[in-house]
Amino acid sequence: NLIVTMIFNVPLNNALAAVDPESANGAAVWTTYLRDWVMWNHVRTITAIAALACFIIALR
């Protein structure tokens, strides 16, 4: 989860912060940001669930 955040989500956040939201490019950057950020957030969620499952199995 930390790796996905550092490699994918943080650079996406930085790119979004660097663009002027009132510019013509702002809408394009937001569209790309939203699509990519949501996808990587789903990856983080799935890996967290998998880690929890492994932890529960290890406790048995």
Protein backbone atom coordinates (compact mmCIF):
# COMPACT_ATOMS: atom_id res chain seq x y z
CA ASN A 1 0.00 0.00 0.00
CA LEU A 2 2.77 2.42 0.88
CA ILE A 3 4.61 1.65 -2.36
CA VAL A 4 1.52 2.26 -4.49
CA THR A 5 0.92 5.53 -2.65
CA MET A 6 4.49 6.73 -3.07
CA ILE A 7 4.95 5.63 -6.69
CA PHE A 8 1.54 6.47 -8.12
CA ASN A 9 -0.77 8.53 -5.90
CA VAL A 10 1.70 11.12 -4.62
CA PRO A 11 2.97 12.05 -8.11
CA LEU A 12 -0.64 12.31 -9.30
CA ASN A 13 -1.42 14.62 -6.37
CA ASN A 14 1.66 16.73 -7.12
CA ALA A 15 0.74 17.04 -10.80
CA LEU A 16 -2.78 18.12 -9.88
CA ALA A 17 -1.48 20.68 -7.39
CA ALA A 18 0.82 22.17 -10.03
CA VAL A 19 -1.91 22.92 -12.57
CA ASP A 20 -4.07 26.04 -12.58
CA PRO A 21 -7.66 24.82 -12.08
CA GLU A 22 -8.96 27.73 -14.17
CA SER A 23 -6.79 26.88 -17.18
CA ALA A 24 -7.90 24.88 -20.20
CA ASN A 25 -5.36 22.24 -19.24
CA GLY A 26 -6.87 21.98 -15.75
CA ALA A 27 -9.91 19.99 -16.90
CA ALA A 28 -7.77 17.54 -18.86
CA VAL A 29 -5.40 17.04 -15.94
CA TRP A 30 -8.35 16.52 -13.55
CA THR A 31 -9.92 13.90 -15.85
CA THR A 32 -6.66 11.96 -16.09
CA TYR A 33 -5.99 12.40 -12.37
CA LEU A 34 -9.40 11.12 -11.35
CA ARG A 35 -9.25 8.04 -13.59
CA ASP A 36 -5.72 7.07 -12.54
CA TRP A 37 -6.06 7.94 -8.86
CA VAL A 38 -9.25 5.90 -8.46
CA MET A 39 -7.66 2.91 -10.21
CA TRP A 40 -4.61 2.97 -7.92
CA ASN A 41 -6.84 3.50 -4.90
CA HIS A 42 -8.67 0.30 -5.83
CA VAL A 43 -5.29 -1.48 -6.02
CA ARG A 44 -4.47 -0.22 -2.52
CA THR A 45 -7.83 -1.42 -1.23
CA ILE A 46 -7.44 -4.88 -2.76
CA THR A 47 -3.91 -5.28 -1.40
CA ALA A 48 -5.06 -4.18 2.06
CA ILE A 49 -7.85 -6.77 1.99
CA ALA A 50 -5.38 -9.43 0.82
CA ALA A 51 -2.98 -8.49 3.63
CA LEU A 52 -5.80 -8.72 6.16
CA ALA A 53 -6.77 -12.15 4.83
CA CYS A 54 -3.16 -13.34 5.13
CA PHE A 55 -3.01 -12.01 8.68
CA ILE A 56 -6.21 -13.81 9.66
CA ILE A 57 -4.94 -17.05 8.11
CA ALA A 58 -1.63 -16.67 9.96
CA LEU A 59 -3.47 -16.32 13.28
CA ARG A 60 -5.12 -19.71 12.87
